Protein backbone atom coordinates (compact mmCIF):
# COMPACT_ATOMS: atom_id res chain seq x y z
CA UNK A 1 197.29 131.19 63.93
CA UNK A 2 197.97 133.17 60.75
CA UNK A 3 199.27 136.80 61.42
CA UNK A 4 198.84 138.19 57.96
CA UNK A 5 195.52 139.52 56.93
CA UNK A 6 193.35 137.38 54.61
CA UNK A 7 191.33 138.24 51.48
CA UNK A 8 189.09 141.34 51.47
CA UNK A 9 185.34 140.72 51.01
CA UNK A 10 183.35 143.38 49.27
CA UNK A 11 180.72 145.15 51.02
CA UNK A 12 177.41 143.15 50.67
CA UNK A 13 175.28 146.17 50.10
CA UNK A 14 177.68 147.61 47.37
CA UNK A 15 177.85 144.18 45.72
CA UNK A 16 174.03 143.87 45.67
CA UNK A 17 173.59 147.23 44.07
CA UNK A 18 176.11 146.43 41.49
CA UNK A 19 174.30 143.07 40.68
CA UNK A 20 170.95 144.90 40.55
CA UNK A 21 172.37 147.60 38.14
CA UNK A 22 173.92 144.77 35.95
CA UNK A 23 170.65 142.77 35.95
CA UNK A 24 168.74 145.92 35.12
CA UNK A 25 171.19 146.72 32.31
CA UNK A 26 171.08 143.17 30.80
CA UNK A 27 167.29 143.08 30.87
CA UNK A 28 166.32 146.57 30.11
CA UNK A 29 169.49 148.43 28.71
CA UNK A 30 167.57 148.70 25.28
CA UNK A 31 165.06 151.11 26.71
CA UNK A 32 165.88 154.53 25.59
CA UNK A 33 165.61 156.31 29.07
CA UNK A 34 166.03 160.06 28.84
CA UNK A 35 167.85 160.09 32.05
CA UNK A 36 169.29 156.65 32.76
CA UNK A 37 171.18 157.66 35.91
CA UNK A 38 168.09 159.01 37.40
CA UNK A 39 166.27 155.85 36.70
CA UNK A 40 169.11 153.68 38.21
CA UNK A 41 169.00 155.81 41.30
CA UNK A 42 165.31 155.59 41.66
CA UNK A 43 165.43 151.75 41.23
CA UNK A 44 168.25 151.09 43.63
CA UNK A 45 167.71 153.94 46.25
CA UNK A 46 164.49 155.85 46.24
CA UNK A 47 161.89 153.32 45.33
CA UNK A 48 163.08 150.72 47.82
CA UNK A 49 163.32 153.31 50.51
CA UNK A 50 159.76 154.54 49.89
CA UNK A 51 158.39 150.94 49.84
CA UNK A 52 160.28 150.04 53.07
CA UNK A 53 158.80 153.12 54.73
CA UNK A 54 155.19 152.16 53.87
CA UNK A 55 153.34 151.42 57.21
CA UNK A 56 151.25 148.51 55.87
CA UNK A 57 154.27 146.71 54.46
CA UNK A 58 156.22 147.35 57.56
CA UNK A 59 153.42 145.94 59.64
CA UNK A 60 153.14 142.84 57.20
CA UNK A 61 157.05 142.31 57.45
CA UNK A 62 156.92 142.32 61.18
CA UNK A 63 153.58 140.42 61.93
CA UNK A 64 152.85 138.25 59.08
CA UNK A 65 154.64 135.56 56.88
CA UNK A 66 156.59 136.27 53.76
CA UNK A 67 153.59 135.50 51.39
CA UNK A 68 151.33 138.23 53.06
CA UNK A 69 154.30 140.57 53.25
CA UNK A 70 154.78 140.10 49.52
CA UNK A 71 151.18 141.02 48.87
CA UNK A 72 151.65 144.26 51.03
CA UNK A 73 154.92 145.05 49.34
CA UNK A 74 153.27 144.77 45.82
CA UNK A 75 150.53 147.19 47.07
CA UNK A 76 153.11 149.62 48.39
CA UNK A 77 155.15 149.40 45.29
CA UNK A 78 151.98 150.35 43.22
CA UNK A 79 151.35 153.43 45.56
CA UNK A 80 155.03 154.46 45.20
CA UNK A 81 155.02 154.11 41.48
CA UNK A 82 151.67 155.98 41.26
CA UNK A 83 153.20 158.83 43.26
CA UNK A 84 156.19 158.81 40.80
CA UNK A 85 153.73 159.23 37.84
CA UNK A 86 153.91 163.10 38.09
CA UNK A 87 157.72 163.37 37.90
CA UNK A 88 158.94 160.23 36.24
CA UNK A 89 156.26 159.37 33.66
CA UNK A 90 158.80 157.40 31.53
CA UNK A 91 159.59 154.99 34.46
CA UNK A 92 155.88 154.65 35.40
CA UNK A 93 155.07 153.88 31.71
CA UNK A 94 157.64 150.97 31.67
CA UNK A 95 156.16 149.83 35.03
CA UNK A 96 152.42 149.83 33.76
CA UNK A 97 153.06 148.67 30.33
CA UNK A 98 156.10 146.32 30.38
CA UNK A 99 155.13 143.13 32.33
CA UNK A 100 158.71 141.84 32.54
CA UNK A 101 159.92 145.16 33.73
CA UNK A 102 157.11 145.27 36.31
CA UNK A 103 157.95 141.92 37.52
CA UNK A 104 161.70 142.42 37.64
CA UNK A 105 161.23 145.82 39.57
CA UNK A 106 158.86 144.14 42.05
CA UNK A 107 161.25 141.25 42.84
CA UNK A 108 164.14 143.42 43.02
CA UNK A 109 162.57 145.90 45.33
CA UNK A 110 161.09 143.12 47.56
CA UNK A 111 164.47 141.55 47.80
CA UNK A 112 165.92 144.81 48.96
CA UNK A 113 163.25 145.55 51.51
CA UNK A 114 162.34 142.22 52.90
CA UNK A 115 164.89 141.20 55.47
């Protein structure tokens, strides 16, 4: 048996967030966000947390298949984004007007919340 410690594996959550931020920057880094740090925080923390807390989505995750959970997720995401409209119009505008951004955000938040 080896007595020395092996390699260190990065924290999965930290690695996942880094990958999300990299993908976001690669695809949407050209959008002139007024407060890019706030948008990154919304995407990686606040939006997934609010979607995950949605009761209908929670029920679908627990009691239904992945396809139905995705349908409820998309509805929950729309509710969350609509609630953000007042304070984060810039992000909501990208979500409502930019199909590739909406698809990316939806896929990303689903991956973060469906487990």
